[in-house]
Amino acid sequence: LESNSGIEEALFGPGQNKDAKLSAKIHLGMVAADYLEKLGRELLHTDAPLLLDEIKEASAASSASAAVESKLTDLWVNTLMTLATRCCATVEPDVKNGDLLDIRPYCKLKVIPGGSVEDSAYMSGVMFHKNVSHKKMARVIQNAK
């Protein structure tokens, strides 16, 4: 038995067959991916001036500077798209039990100075800082369980 949700009926119509619904879902995914790519490019130009300066310096060294700048920008945007897609696929908030629908509080982007685009990686799980919260906390615990 296949059940249609109200959202699917509103988006795809009640009388469409499976192929038409699949095509519509693929189109919707392509539109979302295109928007995410444009947003990534815009953020790269507005919020990452140091990275943009680094890209321009790297492209100025070669004769085809516009092509190299475009290629490096595409490389960063593709990396950001890959990381964002993996994050969206991994994080599954349980809204019925009180989790937020917005996944941004569950995802963090850590910038490491001096890193390159090849150093970018997605890490799934819970991450902790090595630092202690306050001065009186023990820094070393022997035989921790």
N, C-alpha and C. Protein backbone atom coordinates (compact mmCIF):
# COMPACT_ATOMS: atom_id res chain seq x y z
N LEU A 1 0.83 -1.18 0.00
CA LEU A 1 0.00 0.00 0.00
C LEU A 1 0.87 1.24 0.00
N GLU A 2 0.55 2.14 -0.88
CA GLU A 2 1.30 3.38 -0.97
C GLU A 2 0.42 4.51 -0.47
N SER A 3 0.92 5.27 0.49
CA SER A 3 0.13 6.37 1.02
C SER A 3 0.70 7.69 0.52
N ASN A 4 -0.18 8.60 0.14
CA ASN A 4 0.23 9.92 -0.30
C ASN A 4 0.04 10.90 0.84
N SER A 5 1.04 11.69 1.11
CA SER A 5 0.89 12.73 2.11
C SER A 5 0.24 13.95 1.48
N GLY A 6 -0.24 14.84 2.31
CA GLY A 6 -0.86 16.06 1.81
C GLY A 6 0.14 16.92 1.07
N ILE A 7 1.41 16.88 1.49
CA ILE A 7 2.43 17.67 0.81
C ILE A 7 2.66 17.16 -0.60
N GLU A 8 2.74 15.83 -0.75
CA GLU A 8 2.94 15.26 -2.08
C GLU A 8 1.77 15.60 -3.00
N GLU A 9 0.56 15.54 -2.48
CA GLU A 9 -0.60 15.87 -3.31
C GLU A 9 -0.58 17.33 -3.72
N ALA A 10 -0.17 18.22 -2.80
CA ALA A 10 -0.12 19.64 -3.13
C ALA A 10 0.97 19.93 -4.16
N LEU A 11 2.11 19.24 -4.04
CA LEU A 11 3.22 19.50 -4.95
C LEU A 11 3.03 18.83 -6.31
N PHE A 12 2.61 17.60 -6.29
CA PHE A 12 2.62 16.81 -7.52
C PHE A 12 1.25 16.54 -8.11
N GLY A 13 0.19 16.81 -7.39
CA GLY A 13 -1.15 16.54 -7.90
C GLY A 13 -1.59 15.13 -7.60
N PRO A 14 -2.89 14.92 -7.37
CA PRO A 14 -3.37 13.59 -6.97
C PRO A 14 -3.39 12.57 -8.09
N GLY A 15 -3.44 12.99 -9.33
CA GLY A 15 -3.61 12.03 -10.42
C GLY A 15 -2.34 11.64 -11.14
N GLN A 16 -1.18 12.05 -10.68
CA GLN A 16 0.06 11.76 -11.39
C GLN A 16 0.55 10.35 -11.09
N ASN A 17 1.19 9.74 -12.12
CA ASN A 17 1.75 8.41 -11.92
C ASN A 17 3.12 8.49 -11.25
N LYS A 18 3.71 7.33 -10.95
CA LYS A 18 4.99 7.30 -10.23
C LYS A 18 6.11 7.97 -11.00
N ASP A 19 6.17 7.79 -12.33
CA ASP A 19 7.23 8.41 -13.12
C ASP A 19 7.15 9.93 -13.08
N ALA A 20 5.94 10.45 -13.16
CA ALA A 20 5.77 11.91 -13.12
C ALA A 20 6.15 12.46 -11.75
N LYS A 21 5.80 11.73 -10.68
CA LYS A 21 6.16 12.17 -9.34
C LYS A 21 7.67 12.12 -9.15
N LEU A 22 8.31 11.06 -9.65
CA LEU A 22 9.76 10.95 -9.55
C LEU A 22 10.44 12.08 -10.31
N SER A 23 9.94 12.37 -11.50
CA SER A 23 10.49 13.46 -12.30
C SER A 23 10.34 14.80 -11.59
N ALA A 24 9.18 15.01 -10.96
CA ALA A 24 8.94 16.25 -10.23
C ALA A 24 9.86 16.36 -9.02
N LYS A 25 10.09 15.23 -8.31
CA LYS A 25 10.99 15.25 -7.16
C LYS A 25 12.43 15.53 -7.59
N ILE A 26 12.84 14.94 -8.71
CA ILE A 26 14.19 15.19 -9.22
C ILE A 26 14.33 16.65 -9.60
N HIS A 27 13.30 17.21 -10.25
CA HIS A 27 13.34 18.63 -10.63
C HIS A 27 13.42 19.51 -9.39
N LEU A 28 12.65 19.17 -8.36
CA LEU A 28 12.67 19.94 -7.12
C LEU A 28 14.05 19.86 -6.47
N GLY A 29 14.68 18.69 -6.51
CA GLY A 29 16.03 18.53 -5.98
C GLY A 29 17.04 19.33 -6.78
N MET A 30 16.89 19.37 -8.09
CA MET A 30 17.79 20.14 -8.94
C MET A 30 17.66 21.64 -8.67
N VAL A 31 16.43 22.10 -8.46
CA VAL A 31 16.19 23.51 -8.16
C VAL A 31 16.84 23.86 -6.83
N ALA A 32 16.68 22.99 -5.83
CA ALA A 32 17.28 23.22 -4.51
C ALA A 32 18.80 23.23 -4.61
N ALA A 33 19.37 22.31 -5.38
CA ALA A 33 20.82 22.25 -5.54
C ALA A 33 21.34 23.49 -6.26
N ASP A 34 20.62 23.95 -7.27
CA ASP A 34 21.01 25.15 -7.99
C ASP A 34 20.99 26.37 -7.06
N TYR A 35 19.95 26.46 -6.24
CA TYR A 35 19.86 27.56 -5.28
C TYR A 35 21.00 27.50 -4.27
N LEU A 36 21.32 26.29 -3.79
CA LEU A 36 22.41 26.13 -2.83
C LEU A 36 23.74 26.53 -3.45
N GLU A 37 23.95 26.19 -4.71
CA GLU A 37 25.19 26.57 -5.40
C GLU A 37 25.29 28.09 -5.54
N LYS A 38 24.19 28.74 -5.93
CA LYS A 38 24.20 30.21 -6.05
C LYS A 38 24.44 30.86 -4.69
N LEU A 39 23.84 30.31 -3.64
CA LEU A 39 24.03 30.82 -2.30
C LEU A 39 25.48 30.65 -1.86
N GLY A 40 26.08 29.51 -2.18
CA GLY A 40 27.49 29.27 -1.85
C GLY A 40 28.41 30.25 -2.55
N ARG A 41 28.15 30.53 -3.81
CA ARG A 41 28.96 31.51 -4.55
C ARG A 41 28.82 32.90 -3.95
N GLU A 42 27.60 33.28 -3.61
CA GLU A 42 27.37 34.59 -3.01
C GLU A 42 28.06 34.70 -1.65
N LEU A 43 27.96 33.66 -0.83
CA LEU A 43 28.63 33.67 0.47
C LEU A 43 30.15 33.73 0.32
N LEU A 44 30.66 33.05 -0.69
CA LEU A 44 32.10 33.06 -0.92
C LEU A 44 32.57 34.48 -1.25
N HIS A 45 31.77 35.21 -2.01
CA HIS A 45 32.17 36.57 -2.40
C HIS A 45 31.92 37.59 -1.29
N THR A 46 30.92 37.38 -0.44
CA THR A 46 30.60 38.38 0.58
C THR A 46 31.22 38.08 1.93
N ASP A 47 31.28 36.82 2.35
CA ASP A 47 31.70 36.49 3.71
C ASP A 47 33.09 35.88 3.82
N ALA A 48 33.76 35.66 2.71
CA ALA A 48 35.10 35.07 2.77
C ALA A 48 36.09 35.92 1.98
N PRO A 49 36.31 37.16 2.41
CA PRO A 49 37.20 38.03 1.63
C PRO A 49 38.65 37.54 1.61
N LEU A 50 39.11 36.93 2.71
CA LEU A 50 40.49 36.43 2.72
C LEU A 50 40.67 35.27 1.75
N LEU A 51 39.68 34.39 1.70
CA LEU A 51 39.75 33.27 0.76
C LEU A 51 39.69 33.79 -0.67
N LEU A 52 38.84 34.78 -0.91
CA LEU A 52 38.72 35.37 -2.24
C LEU A 52 40.04 36.05 -2.64
N ASP A 53 40.69 36.73 -1.70
CA ASP A 53 42.00 37.34 -1.99
C ASP A 53 43.03 36.28 -2.31
N GLU A 54 42.98 35.15 -1.58
CA GLU A 54 43.92 34.04 -1.84
C GLU A 54 43.69 33.46 -3.24
N ILE A 55 42.42 33.34 -3.63
CA ILE A 55 42.11 32.83 -4.97
C ILE A 55 42.61 33.79 -6.03
N LYS A 56 42.43 35.09 -5.80
CA LYS A 56 42.89 36.09 -6.78
C LYS A 56 44.40 36.11 -6.87
N GLU A 57 45.11 35.95 -5.75
CA GLU A 57 46.57 35.90 -5.78
C GLU A 57 47.06 34.68 -6.54
N ALA A 58 46.41 33.55 -6.33
CA ALA A 58 46.80 32.33 -7.03
C ALA A 58 46.54 32.45 -8.53
N SER A 59 45.46 33.13 -8.89
CA SER A 59 45.14 33.26 -10.31
C SER A 59 46.00 34.33 -10.98
N ALA A 60 46.50 35.32 -10.22
CA ALA A 60 47.33 36.37 -10.79
C ALA A 60 48.68 35.83 -11.25
N ALA A 61 49.13 34.74 -10.66
CA ALA A 61 50.42 34.16 -11.02
C ALA A 61 50.41 33.52 -12.40
N SER A 62 49.23 33.17 -12.90
CA SER A 62 49.17 32.52 -14.22
C SER A 62 48.70 33.50 -15.28
N SER A 63 48.89 33.13 -16.53
CA SER A 63 48.52 34.02 -17.63
C SER A 63 47.00 34.08 -17.83
N ALA A 64 46.31 32.98 -17.63
CA ALA A 64 44.85 32.93 -17.79
C ALA A 64 44.21 33.10 -16.42
N SER A 65 44.34 34.32 -15.85
CA SER A 65 43.93 34.54 -14.47
C SER A 65 42.43 34.36 -14.27
N ALA A 66 41.61 34.79 -15.22
CA ALA A 66 40.15 34.66 -15.06
C ALA A 66 39.74 33.20 -15.05
N ALA A 67 40.36 32.39 -15.88
CA ALA A 67 40.02 30.96 -15.93
C ALA A 67 40.44 30.25 -14.65
N VAL A 68 41.62 30.59 -14.13
CA VAL A 68 42.11 29.96 -12.90
C VAL A 68 41.25 30.40 -11.72
N GLU A 69 40.89 31.70 -11.68
CA GLU A 69 40.03 32.19 -10.60
C GLU A 69 38.68 31.49 -10.63
N SER A 70 38.12 31.32 -11.80
CA SER A 70 36.84 30.62 -11.94
C SER A 70 36.95 29.16 -11.51
N LYS A 71 38.07 28.53 -11.88
CA LYS A 71 38.27 27.12 -11.53
C LYS A 71 38.41 26.95 -10.02
N LEU A 72 39.18 27.84 -9.36
CA LEU A 72 39.35 27.74 -7.91
C LEU A 72 38.04 28.04 -7.18
N THR A 73 37.29 29.01 -7.67
CA THR A 73 35.98 29.32 -7.07
C THR A 73 35.05 28.12 -7.21
N ASP A 74 35.04 27.50 -8.40
CA ASP A 74 34.20 26.31 -8.61
C ASP A 74 34.62 25.18 -7.68
N LEU A 75 35.92 25.03 -7.46
CA LEU A 75 36.41 23.98 -6.56
C LEU A 75 35.90 24.20 -5.14
N TRP A 76 35.97 25.44 -4.65
CA TRP A 76 35.48 25.74 -3.31
C TRP A 76 33.97 25.56 -3.22
N VAL A 77 33.24 26.02 -4.23
CA VAL A 77 31.78 25.88 -4.21
C VAL A 77 31.38 24.41 -4.24
N ASN A 78 32.05 23.61 -5.07
CA ASN A 78 31.74 22.18 -5.13
C ASN A 78 32.04 21.49 -3.80
N THR A 79 33.13 21.89 -3.14
CA THR A 79 33.46 21.32 -1.84
C THR A 79 32.40 21.68 -0.81
N LEU A 80 32.00 22.95 -0.79
CA LEU A 80 30.94 23.38 0.13
C LEU A 80 29.63 22.67 -0.15
N MET A 81 29.31 22.48 -1.43
CA MET A 81 28.07 21.76 -1.80
C MET A 81 28.13 20.32 -1.31
N THR A 82 29.26 19.67 -1.46
CA THR A 82 29.41 18.28 -1.01
C THR A 82 29.25 18.18 0.50
N LEU A 83 29.89 19.09 1.23
CA LEU A 83 29.78 19.07 2.69
C LEU A 83 28.35 19.35 3.14
N ALA A 84 27.69 20.33 2.52
CA ALA A 84 26.31 20.66 2.89
C ALA A 84 25.36 19.51 2.57
N THR A 85 25.55 18.86 1.43
CA THR A 85 24.69 17.74 1.05
C THR A 85 24.86 16.58 2.02
N ARG A 86 26.10 16.26 2.38
CA ARG A 86 26.34 15.17 3.34
C ARG A 86 25.74 15.50 4.70
N CYS A 87 25.84 16.76 5.10
CA CYS A 87 25.29 17.19 6.38
C CYS A 87 23.77 17.03 6.37
N CYS A 88 23.12 17.46 5.31
CA CYS A 88 21.66 17.34 5.21
C CYS A 88 21.22 15.89 5.17
N ALA A 89 22.02 15.03 4.56
CA ALA A 89 21.67 13.62 4.47
C ALA A 89 21.90 12.89 5.80
N THR A 90 22.81 13.38 6.61
CA THR A 90 23.17 12.70 7.85
C THR A 90 22.30 13.12 9.03
N VAL A 91 22.04 14.41 9.15
CA VAL A 91 21.30 14.92 10.30
C VAL A 91 19.82 14.67 10.09
N GLU A 92 19.22 13.94 11.03
CA GLU A 92 17.79 13.63 10.96
C GLU A 92 17.13 14.04 12.27
N PRO A 93 16.67 15.29 12.35
CA PRO A 93 16.05 15.73 13.61
C PRO A 93 14.71 15.02 13.84
N ASP A 94 14.45 14.68 15.09
CA ASP A 94 13.20 14.04 15.48
C ASP A 94 12.27 15.14 16.00
N VAL A 95 11.52 15.74 15.09
CA VAL A 95 10.69 16.90 15.41
C VAL A 95 9.58 16.54 16.38
N LYS A 96 9.05 15.34 16.28
CA LYS A 96 7.97 14.92 17.18
C LYS A 96 8.42 14.87 18.64
N ASN A 97 9.71 14.63 18.87
CA ASN A 97 10.24 14.56 20.23
C ASN A 97 10.95 15.83 20.66
N GLY A 98 10.71 16.93 19.96
CA GLY A 98 11.22 18.22 20.41
C GLY A 98 12.45 18.75 19.69
N ASP A 99 13.01 18.00 18.75
CA ASP A 99 14.15 18.53 18.00
C ASP A 99 13.68 19.64 17.07
N LEU A 100 14.60 20.53 16.75
CA LEU A 100 14.29 21.60 15.81
C LEU A 100 14.28 21.07 14.39
N LEU A 101 13.43 21.63 13.54
CA LEU A 101 13.42 21.24 12.13
C LEU A 101 14.63 21.82 11.42
N ASP A 102 15.07 22.98 11.86
CA ASP A 102 16.24 23.63 11.30
C ASP A 102 17.49 22.89 11.78
N ILE A 103 18.33 22.41 10.86
CA ILE A 103 19.48 21.60 11.25
C ILE A 103 20.73 22.42 11.56
N ARG A 104 20.66 23.73 11.39
CA ARG A 104 21.86 24.55 11.62
C ARG A 104 22.43 24.45 13.02
N PRO A 105 21.62 24.34 14.09
CA PRO A 105 22.24 24.19 15.42
C PRO A 105 22.98 22.86 15.60
N TYR A 106 22.69 21.88 14.77
CA TYR A 106 23.31 20.56 14.89
C TYR A 106 24.57 20.42 14.03
N CYS A 107 24.85 21.41 13.20
CA CYS A 107 26.00 21.35 12.29
C CYS A 107 26.93 22.52 12.56
N LYS A 108 28.19 22.25 12.59
CA LYS A 108 29.18 23.31 12.80
C LYS A 108 30.25 23.21 11.71
N LEU A 109 30.69 24.36 11.28
CA LEU A 109 31.76 24.44 10.30
C LEU A 109 32.98 24.99 11.00
N LYS A 110 34.05 24.24 11.02
CA LYS A 110 35.27 24.64 11.71
C LYS A 110 36.28 25.07 10.66
N VAL A 111 36.76 26.30 10.78
CA VAL A 111 37.74 26.83 9.85
C VAL A 111 39.12 26.73 10.51
N ILE A 112 40.05 26.11 9.79
CA ILE A 112 41.41 25.96 10.29
C ILE A 112 42.30 26.88 9.46
N PRO A 113 42.93 27.86 10.10
CA PRO A 113 43.78 28.79 9.35
C PRO A 113 44.91 28.06 8.64
N GLY A 114 45.15 28.45 7.40
CA GLY A 114 46.23 27.86 6.63
C GLY A 114 45.83 26.59 5.90
N GLY A 115 44.59 26.17 6.06
CA GLY A 115 44.13 24.97 5.38
C GLY A 115 43.84 25.23 3.91
N SER A 116 43.72 24.18 3.14
CA SER A 116 43.40 24.30 1.72
C SER A 116 42.09 23.57 1.44
N VAL A 117 41.62 23.68 0.22
CA VAL A 117 40.36 23.04 -0.14
C VAL A 117 40.46 21.52 -0.04
N GLU A 118 41.64 20.98 -0.26
CA GLU A 118 41.83 19.53 -0.17
C GLU A 118 41.75 19.04 1.27
N ASP A 119 41.95 19.93 2.23
CA ASP A 119 41.89 19.56 3.64
C ASP A 119 40.46 19.50 4.17
N SER A 120 39.51 19.93 3.38
CA SER A 120 38.11 19.95 3.82
C SER A 120 37.60 18.52 3.99
N ALA A 121 36.90 18.29 5.10
CA ALA A 121 36.40 16.95 5.38
C ALA A 121 35.10 17.05 6.16
N TYR A 122 34.26 16.04 6.00
CA TYR A 122 33.02 15.93 6.76
C TYR A 122 33.25 14.91 7.87
N MET A 123 32.89 15.28 9.08
CA MET A 123 33.03 14.37 10.21
C MET A 123 31.67 14.19 10.86
N SER A 124 31.21 12.98 10.90
CA SER A 124 29.92 12.69 11.49
C SER A 124 30.11 12.30 12.95
N GLY A 125 29.22 12.76 13.80
CA GLY A 125 29.30 12.38 15.20
C GLY A 125 29.32 13.60 16.10
N VAL A 126 29.68 13.36 17.34
CA VAL A 126 29.73 14.42 18.34
C VAL A 126 31.19 14.82 18.52
N MET A 127 31.47 16.10 18.47
CA MET A 127 32.83 16.60 18.62
C MET A 127 32.95 17.37 19.94
N PHE A 128 34.10 17.24 20.58
CA PHE A 128 34.36 17.92 21.84
C PHE A 128 35.63 18.75 21.72
N HIS A 129 35.69 19.82 22.50
CA HIS A 129 36.92 20.61 22.62
C HIS A 129 37.81 19.95 23.66
N LYS A 130 39.08 20.11 23.51
CA LYS A 130 40.02 19.53 24.46
C LYS A 130 40.12 20.38 25.73
N ASN A 131 39.75 21.64 25.63
CA ASN A 131 39.88 22.56 26.76
C ASN A 131 38.88 22.21 27.86
N VAL A 132 39.26 22.54 29.10
CA VAL A 132 38.36 22.33 30.24
C VAL A 132 37.48 23.57 30.41
N SER A 133 36.34 23.39 31.09
CA SER A 133 35.39 24.49 31.24
C SER A 133 35.86 25.56 32.21
N HIS A 134 36.44 25.16 33.33
CA HIS A 134 36.92 26.13 34.30
C HIS A 134 38.22 25.64 34.93
N LYS A 135 38.88 26.53 35.65
CA LYS A 135 40.23 26.26 36.16
C LYS A 135 40.31 25.07 37.11
N LYS A 136 39.28 24.84 37.90
CA LYS A 136 39.34 23.80 38.93
C LYS A 136 39.06 22.39 38.41
N MET A 137 38.69 22.28 37.16
CA MET A 137 38.45 20.94 36.59
C MET A 137 39.78 20.20 36.41
N ALA A 138 39.74 18.91 36.61
CA ALA A 138 40.93 18.09 36.43
C ALA A 138 41.30 18.05 34.96
N ARG A 139 42.58 18.24 34.67
CA ARG A 139 43.03 18.23 33.28
C ARG A 139 43.39 16.81 32.82
N VAL A 140 43.77 15.97 33.77
CA VAL A 140 44.12 14.58 33.45
C VAL A 140 43.37 13.68 34.41
N ILE A 141 42.75 12.63 33.87
CA ILE A 141 42.04 11.66 34.70
C ILE A 141 42.68 10.30 34.43
N GLN A 142 43.25 9.71 35.45
CA GLN A 142 43.88 8.41 35.31
C GLN A 142 42.80 7.33 35.33
N ASN A 143 42.94 6.31 34.51
CA ASN A 143 42.01 5.18 34.42
C ASN A 143 40.55 5.62 34.25
N ALA A 144 40.32 6.53 33.34
CA ALA A 144 38.96 7.01 33.07
C ALA A 144 38.12 5.88 32.45
N LYS A 145 36.86 5.81 32.84
CA LYS A 145 35.98 4.76 32.32
C LYS A 145 34.82 5.36 31.60
